[in-house]
Amino acid sequence: MKTSERAGLIGLLAAAFLIQFFSSYVMRMYAVMLVLGNNGIINRVLSWGSLTDSPLKLMYNEFGVGVGLTLGALPFMVFTIS
């Protein structure tokens, strides 16, 4: 195998690993949106239990950004500890 072919293969493998890494991040953020959204799990439980009359605004504010950033960075925090 030539050096240029090997470099191309290494670049292709690196791109494949990078895509997998970021796709899991995107999926985590969609999961956060499903939980915190107006029709999300938290608001459905609160309305089912008659604890609120209207959905709480849990996304697109400081709370939602904080939860999203924390859950997005959590794997990096765990990997550095272990």
Protein backbone atom coordinates (compact mmCIF):
# COMPACT_ATOMS: atom_id res chain seq x y z
CA MET A 1 0.00 0.00 0.00
CA LYS A 2 1.39 3.38 -0.98
CA THR A 3 1.83 6.20 1.49
CA SER A 4 -0.80 8.38 -0.20
CA GLU A 5 -3.33 5.52 -0.16
CA ARG A 6 -2.60 4.89 3.51
CA ALA A 7 -3.06 8.59 4.34
CA GLY A 8 -6.38 8.61 2.49
CA LEU A 9 -7.54 5.52 4.37
CA ILE A 10 -6.54 7.03 7.71
CA GLY A 11 -8.41 10.23 6.86
CA LEU A 12 -11.49 8.25 5.88
CA LEU A 13 -11.43 6.26 9.13
CA ALA A 14 -10.95 9.43 11.18
CA ALA A 15 -13.95 11.03 9.45
CA ALA A 16 -16.06 7.93 10.14
CA PHE A 17 -15.23 8.04 13.85
CA LEU A 18 -15.88 11.78 14.00
CA ILE A 19 -19.30 11.40 12.37
CA GLN A 20 -20.25 8.72 14.90
CA PHE A 21 -19.12 10.91 17.77
CA PHE A 22 -21.18 13.92 16.68
CA SER A 23 -24.23 11.89 15.71
CA SER A 24 -24.54 10.64 19.26
CA TYR A 25 -24.33 14.25 20.48
CA VAL A 26 -27.14 15.28 18.14
CA MET A 27 -29.25 12.36 19.31
CA ARG A 28 -28.71 13.36 22.95
CA MET A 29 -29.86 16.90 22.17
CA TYR A 30 -33.00 15.61 20.44
CA ALA A 31 -33.70 13.50 23.52
CA VAL A 32 -33.41 16.62 25.68
CA MET A 33 -35.87 18.36 23.38
CA LEU A 34 -38.31 15.45 23.74
CA VAL A 35 -38.15 15.66 27.51
CA LEU A 36 -38.25 19.46 27.90
CA GLY A 37 -40.59 20.41 25.04
CA ASN A 38 -44.12 21.79 25.36
CA ASN A 39 -45.49 18.30 24.70
CA GLY A 40 -42.53 16.65 26.41
CA ILE A 41 -42.49 14.07 29.13
CA ILE A 42 -42.21 16.55 32.01
CA ASN A 43 -45.10 18.71 30.84
CA ARG A 44 -47.29 15.69 30.12
CA VAL A 45 -46.73 14.29 33.59
CA LEU A 46 -47.47 17.66 35.18
CA SER A 47 -50.67 18.12 33.18
CA TRP A 48 -51.74 14.51 33.78
CA GLY A 49 -51.36 15.04 37.52
CA SER A 50 -53.28 18.34 37.26
CA LEU A 51 -50.31 20.25 38.66
CA THR A 52 -50.29 22.89 35.88
CA ASP A 53 -52.93 24.38 33.64
CA SER A 54 -50.59 25.22 30.77
CA PRO A 55 -47.24 23.75 29.70
CA LEU A 56 -44.14 25.11 31.40
CA LYS A 57 -41.55 26.84 29.23
CA LEU A 58 -38.57 24.58 29.83
CA MET A 59 -36.82 25.12 26.49
CA TYR A 60 -35.31 28.18 24.82
CA ASN A 61 -34.41 29.82 28.12
CA GLU A 62 -31.53 29.68 30.61
CA PHE A 63 -32.80 26.48 32.23
CA GLY A 64 -33.06 24.60 28.93
CA VAL A 65 -29.65 25.78 27.76
CA GLY A 66 -28.09 24.76 31.07
CA VAL A 67 -29.64 21.30 30.95
CA GLY A 68 -28.62 20.81 27.32
CA LEU A 69 -25.03 21.91 27.85
CA THR A 70 -24.68 19.82 30.99
CA LEU A 71 -26.01 16.66 29.36
CA GLY A 72 -23.94 17.32 26.25
CA ALA A 73 -20.71 17.68 28.21
CA LEU A 74 -21.40 14.86 30.68
CA PRO A 75 -19.56 12.14 28.70
CA PHE A 76 -16.44 14.32 28.54
CA MET A 77 -16.58 14.85 32.29
CA VAL A 78 -16.95 11.13 32.95
CA PHE A 79 -14.15 10.14 30.56
CA THR A 80 -11.68 12.51 32.19
CA ILE A 81 -12.44 11.13 35.65
CA SER A 82 -12.04 7.50 34.61
